[in-house]
Each structure stands twice: as structure tokens, then as C-alpha cells.
N, C-alpha and C. Protein backbone atom coordinates (compact mmCIF):
# COMPACT_ATOMS: atom_id res chain seq x y z
N UNK A 1 -12.19 -5.31 -3.92
CA UNK A 1 -11.47 -5.33 -5.19
C UNK A 1 -10.01 -5.77 -5.01
N UNK A 2 -9.37 -5.28 -3.95
CA UNK A 2 -7.96 -5.63 -3.74
C UNK A 2 -7.80 -7.11 -3.39
N UNK A 3 -8.72 -7.66 -2.61
CA UNK A 3 -8.62 -9.08 -2.26
C UNK A 3 -8.82 -9.97 -3.48
N UNK A 4 -9.67 -9.56 -4.42
CA UNK A 4 -9.85 -10.34 -5.66
C UNK A 4 -8.62 -10.24 -6.55
N UNK A 5 -8.01 -9.06 -6.61
CA UNK A 5 -6.83 -8.87 -7.46
C UNK A 5 -5.58 -9.50 -6.85
N UNK A 6 -5.50 -9.51 -5.52
CA UNK A 6 -4.34 -10.06 -4.82
C UNK A 6 -4.84 -11.04 -3.75
N UNK A 7 -5.23 -12.25 -4.13
CA UNK A 7 -5.86 -13.17 -3.18
C UNK A 7 -4.95 -13.57 -2.02
N UNK A 8 -3.64 -13.45 -2.19
CA UNK A 8 -2.71 -13.79 -1.10
C UNK A 8 -2.18 -12.53 -0.40
N UNK A 9 -2.90 -11.43 -0.53
CA UNK A 9 -2.47 -10.15 0.04
C UNK A 9 -2.24 -10.27 1.55
N UNK A 10 -1.10 -9.78 1.98
CA UNK A 10 -0.80 -9.75 3.41
C UNK A 10 -0.11 -8.43 3.75
N UNK A 11 -0.32 -7.98 4.96
CA UNK A 11 0.23 -6.71 5.43
C UNK A 11 1.16 -6.95 6.60
N UNK A 12 2.16 -6.08 6.71
CA UNK A 12 3.06 -6.10 7.86
C UNK A 12 3.14 -4.68 8.41
N UNK A 13 2.93 -4.54 9.70
CA UNK A 13 3.06 -3.24 10.35
C UNK A 13 4.54 -3.02 10.63
N UNK A 14 5.07 -1.90 10.15
CA UNK A 14 6.47 -1.55 10.36
C UNK A 14 6.62 -0.77 11.66
N UNK A 15 5.75 0.21 11.86
CA UNK A 15 5.79 0.97 13.12
C UNK A 15 4.44 1.65 13.33
N UNK A 16 4.20 2.00 14.59
CA UNK A 16 2.98 2.71 14.95
C UNK A 16 3.34 3.87 15.88
N UNK A 17 2.52 4.89 15.82
CA UNK A 17 2.64 6.04 16.71
C UNK A 17 1.24 6.37 17.20
N UNK A 18 1.08 6.44 18.51
CA UNK A 18 -0.22 6.76 19.10
C UNK A 18 -0.07 8.05 19.87
N UNK A 19 -0.92 9.00 19.55
CA UNK A 19 -0.92 10.29 20.25
C UNK A 19 -2.36 10.75 20.38
N UNK A 20 -2.78 10.95 21.62
CA UNK A 20 -4.14 11.39 21.90
C UNK A 20 -5.12 10.41 21.26
N UNK A 21 -5.96 10.88 20.35
CA UNK A 21 -6.94 9.99 19.72
C UNK A 21 -6.55 9.62 18.28
N UNK A 22 -5.26 9.74 17.94
CA UNK A 22 -4.79 9.39 16.60
C UNK A 22 -3.78 8.26 16.65
N UNK A 23 -3.87 7.41 15.65
CA UNK A 23 -2.91 6.32 15.46
C UNK A 23 -2.35 6.45 14.05
N UNK A 24 -1.03 6.42 13.94
CA UNK A 24 -0.36 6.45 12.64
C UNK A 24 0.34 5.10 12.48
N UNK A 25 0.06 4.44 11.38
CA UNK A 25 0.60 3.11 11.13
C UNK A 25 1.39 3.14 9.82
N UNK A 26 2.67 2.80 9.89
CA UNK A 26 3.50 2.62 8.70
C UNK A 26 3.48 1.14 8.37
N UNK A 27 3.11 0.79 7.14
CA UNK A 27 2.92 -0.60 6.77
C UNK A 27 3.46 -0.91 5.38
N UNK A 28 3.61 -2.20 5.12
CA UNK A 28 3.89 -2.70 3.77
C UNK A 28 2.86 -3.77 3.45
N UNK A 29 2.54 -3.89 2.19
CA UNK A 29 1.64 -4.93 1.71
C UNK A 29 2.32 -5.69 0.59
N UNK A 30 2.00 -6.97 0.47
CA UNK A 30 2.60 -7.79 -0.58
C UNK A 30 1.60 -8.84 -1.01
N UNK A 31 1.56 -9.10 -2.31
CA UNK A 31 0.69 -10.13 -2.84
C UNK A 31 0.97 -10.37 -4.32
N UNK A 32 0.35 -11.40 -4.86
CA UNK A 32 0.51 -11.76 -6.26
C UNK A 32 -0.66 -11.20 -7.05
N UNK A 33 -0.36 -10.47 -8.12
CA UNK A 33 -1.39 -9.82 -8.93
C UNK A 33 -2.06 -10.86 -9.84
N UNK A 34 -3.17 -11.43 -9.36
CA UNK A 34 -3.86 -12.52 -10.08
C UNK A 34 -5.23 -12.15 -10.61
N UNK A 35 -5.66 -10.90 -10.38
CA UNK A 35 -6.97 -10.47 -10.85
C UNK A 35 -6.92 -9.01 -11.28
N UNK A 36 -7.97 -8.56 -11.94
CA UNK A 36 -8.02 -7.19 -12.46
C UNK A 36 -8.18 -6.19 -11.32
N UNK A 37 -7.40 -5.12 -11.38
CA UNK A 37 -7.51 -4.00 -10.43
C UNK A 37 -7.26 -2.71 -11.21
N UNK A 38 -8.09 -1.71 -10.99
CA UNK A 38 -7.98 -0.41 -11.68
C UNK A 38 -7.92 -0.61 -13.20
N UNK A 39 -8.72 -1.54 -13.70
CA UNK A 39 -8.75 -1.89 -15.13
C UNK A 39 -7.43 -2.46 -15.64
N UNK A 40 -6.58 -2.95 -14.75
CA UNK A 40 -5.31 -3.56 -15.13
C UNK A 40 -5.47 -5.07 -14.98
N UNK A 41 -5.38 -5.81 -16.10
CA UNK A 41 -5.52 -7.27 -16.00
C UNK A 41 -4.36 -7.89 -15.22
N UNK A 42 -4.57 -9.07 -14.71
CA UNK A 42 -3.56 -9.78 -13.91
C UNK A 42 -2.24 -9.88 -14.66
N UNK A 43 -1.15 -9.62 -13.93
CA UNK A 43 0.20 -9.73 -14.50
C UNK A 43 0.93 -10.96 -13.96
N UNK A 44 0.45 -11.50 -12.85
CA UNK A 44 1.14 -12.63 -12.22
C UNK A 44 2.36 -12.20 -11.41
N UNK A 45 2.65 -10.90 -11.37
CA UNK A 45 3.82 -10.41 -10.65
C UNK A 45 3.57 -10.34 -9.15
N UNK A 46 4.64 -10.58 -8.39
CA UNK A 46 4.60 -10.33 -6.95
C UNK A 46 4.71 -8.82 -6.76
N UNK A 47 3.78 -8.24 -6.05
CA UNK A 47 3.69 -6.79 -5.92
C UNK A 47 3.89 -6.40 -4.46
N UNK A 48 4.68 -5.37 -4.26
CA UNK A 48 4.89 -4.81 -2.93
C UNK A 48 4.48 -3.36 -2.95
N UNK A 49 3.92 -2.89 -1.84
CA UNK A 49 3.50 -1.50 -1.73
C UNK A 49 3.74 -1.04 -0.30
N UNK A 50 4.11 0.23 -0.16
CA UNK A 50 4.31 0.83 1.16
C UNK A 50 3.24 1.88 1.38
N UNK A 51 2.87 2.07 2.63
CA UNK A 51 1.85 3.08 2.91
C UNK A 51 1.82 3.50 4.37
N UNK A 52 0.99 4.51 4.61
CA UNK A 52 0.76 5.05 5.94
C UNK A 52 -0.75 5.19 6.12
N UNK A 53 -1.24 4.76 7.27
CA UNK A 53 -2.65 4.96 7.62
C UNK A 53 -2.70 5.85 8.85
N UNK A 54 -3.56 6.86 8.80
CA UNK A 54 -3.76 7.77 9.93
C UNK A 54 -5.21 7.61 10.36
N UNK A 55 -5.40 7.12 11.55
CA UNK A 55 -6.74 6.82 12.05
C UNK A 55 -7.08 7.73 13.22
N UNK A 56 -8.29 8.22 13.24
CA UNK A 56 -8.79 9.01 14.36
C UNK A 56 -9.83 8.16 15.09
N UNK A 57 -9.65 8.05 16.40
CA UNK A 57 -10.48 7.16 17.23
C UNK A 57 -11.37 7.99 18.15
N UNK A 58 -12.65 7.63 18.22
CA UNK A 58 -13.57 8.22 19.20
C UNK A 58 -14.40 7.10 19.80
N UNK A 59 -14.43 7.03 21.12
CA UNK A 59 -15.20 6.02 21.85
C UNK A 59 -14.85 4.60 21.38
N UNK A 60 -13.57 4.38 21.10
CA UNK A 60 -13.11 3.05 20.71
C UNK A 60 -13.37 2.67 19.27
N UNK A 61 -13.88 3.60 18.46
CA UNK A 61 -14.18 3.32 17.05
C UNK A 61 -13.39 4.24 16.13
N UNK A 62 -13.02 3.73 14.98
CA UNK A 62 -12.38 4.57 13.97
C UNK A 62 -13.45 5.44 13.34
N UNK A 63 -13.29 6.77 13.46
CA UNK A 63 -14.28 7.69 12.90
C UNK A 63 -13.77 8.39 11.64
N UNK A 64 -12.46 8.35 11.43
CA UNK A 64 -11.88 8.97 10.26
C UNK A 64 -10.59 8.25 9.92
N UNK A 65 -10.35 8.07 8.65
CA UNK A 65 -9.11 7.43 8.23
C UNK A 65 -8.56 8.08 6.98
N UNK A 66 -7.25 8.25 6.96
CA UNK A 66 -6.54 8.70 5.76
C UNK A 66 -5.53 7.62 5.41
N UNK A 67 -5.45 7.28 4.13
CA UNK A 67 -4.59 6.20 3.68
C UNK A 67 -3.75 6.71 2.53
N UNK A 68 -2.45 6.71 2.75
CA UNK A 68 -1.51 7.22 1.75
C UNK A 68 -0.61 6.04 1.38
N UNK A 69 -0.57 5.73 0.07
CA UNK A 69 0.24 4.60 -0.33
C UNK A 69 0.91 4.88 -1.67
N UNK A 70 1.96 4.13 -1.94
CA UNK A 70 2.83 4.34 -3.08
C UNK A 70 2.28 3.62 -4.32
N UNK A 71 1.34 4.27 -5.00
CA UNK A 71 0.74 3.69 -6.20
C UNK A 71 1.78 3.50 -7.30
N UNK A 72 2.66 4.48 -7.50
CA UNK A 72 3.68 4.36 -8.55
C UNK A 72 4.59 3.16 -8.27
N UNK A 73 4.95 2.95 -7.01
CA UNK A 73 5.77 1.79 -6.67
C UNK A 73 5.06 0.49 -6.97
N UNK A 74 3.75 0.43 -6.67
CA UNK A 74 2.97 -0.76 -6.96
C UNK A 74 2.94 -1.02 -8.47
N UNK A 75 2.75 0.03 -9.26
CA UNK A 75 2.72 -0.11 -10.73
C UNK A 75 4.08 -0.55 -11.26
N UNK A 76 5.17 -0.11 -10.63
CA UNK A 76 6.50 -0.57 -11.03
C UNK A 76 6.63 -2.07 -10.80
N UNK A 77 6.15 -2.56 -9.67
CA UNK A 77 6.21 -4.00 -9.38
C UNK A 77 5.37 -4.80 -10.36
N UNK A 78 4.32 -4.20 -10.91
CA UNK A 78 3.49 -4.87 -11.90
C UNK A 78 4.15 -4.85 -13.29
N UNK A 79 5.23 -4.09 -13.42
CA UNK A 79 5.90 -3.97 -14.71
C UNK A 79 5.28 -2.92 -15.61
N UNK A 80 4.49 -2.00 -15.05
CA UNK A 80 3.76 -1.01 -15.85
C UNK A 80 4.42 0.36 -15.85
N UNK A 81 5.38 0.58 -14.98
CA UNK A 81 6.15 1.82 -14.97
C UNK A 81 7.63 1.46 -14.93
N UNK A 82 8.47 2.27 -15.55
CA UNK A 82 9.90 1.96 -15.52
C UNK A 82 10.49 2.19 -14.12
N UNK A 83 11.57 1.49 -13.84
CA UNK A 83 12.28 1.71 -12.58
C UNK A 83 12.87 3.12 -12.59
N UNK A 84 12.95 3.72 -11.43
CA UNK A 84 13.56 5.04 -11.31
C UNK A 84 15.06 4.91 -11.47
N UNK A 85 15.63 5.84 -12.17
CA UNK A 85 17.07 5.86 -12.37
C UNK A 85 17.67 6.84 -11.36
N UNK A 86 18.80 6.46 -10.73
CA UNK A 86 19.41 7.38 -9.78
C UNK A 86 19.87 8.64 -10.49
N UNK A 87 19.75 9.76 -9.81
CA UNK A 87 20.20 11.02 -10.39
C UNK A 87 21.70 11.13 -10.25
N UNK A 88 22.32 11.81 -11.21
CA UNK A 88 23.77 12.00 -11.17
C UNK A 88 24.06 13.40 -10.65
N UNK A 89 25.02 13.47 -9.75
CA UNK A 89 25.39 14.78 -9.24
C UNK A 89 26.26 15.51 -10.27
N UNK A 90 26.17 16.80 -10.23
CA UNK A 90 26.90 17.63 -11.21
C UNK A 90 28.27 17.97 -10.69
């Protein structure tokens, strides 16, 4: 679904951490919203998203994965959520 919605989707690894049988990957993704995703029709906007993947490896294979990503940030890039306003100190 993501490849159809963002045909030019590309990822960049920002950093990785390997400990025992776990790998943590901090990444960014970027692409042009040209197809429907989550019932949202194409906006034509360039979309950026940040995320973290936590992978558990056994015998050289990924056996478990957790993927945490900034959905609200992606929706902001699509123009569907307002930009966050900085808070004012009292």
C-alpha cells in the first residue's frame, strides 16, 4: 500500500544500535503522495516521516519487529493537520 501511495518512497538510516540479538534503527522516509493511503486520496505533497524499527534476530532471521513512526508528522506534510505552534513560557 505504501509503495502505491508513494511510488518514489526512499528511506535513509540515521543511526543503528546493535545489542545482543536486537537491532534498533532510527530512520527517515520521504516520498511524493501520489496514491490513496489510509483512505486519504493523493495530495501531490512531498511527505517526510521519521521512525524507529526494533528488530529481534534469531539464527540470522528477523523473528519480531516493532515499528514506531510519526503518523501525525506525516499527516502534517500532507496538509491534513495544522503545524504545531511553539508554546509560550509564562
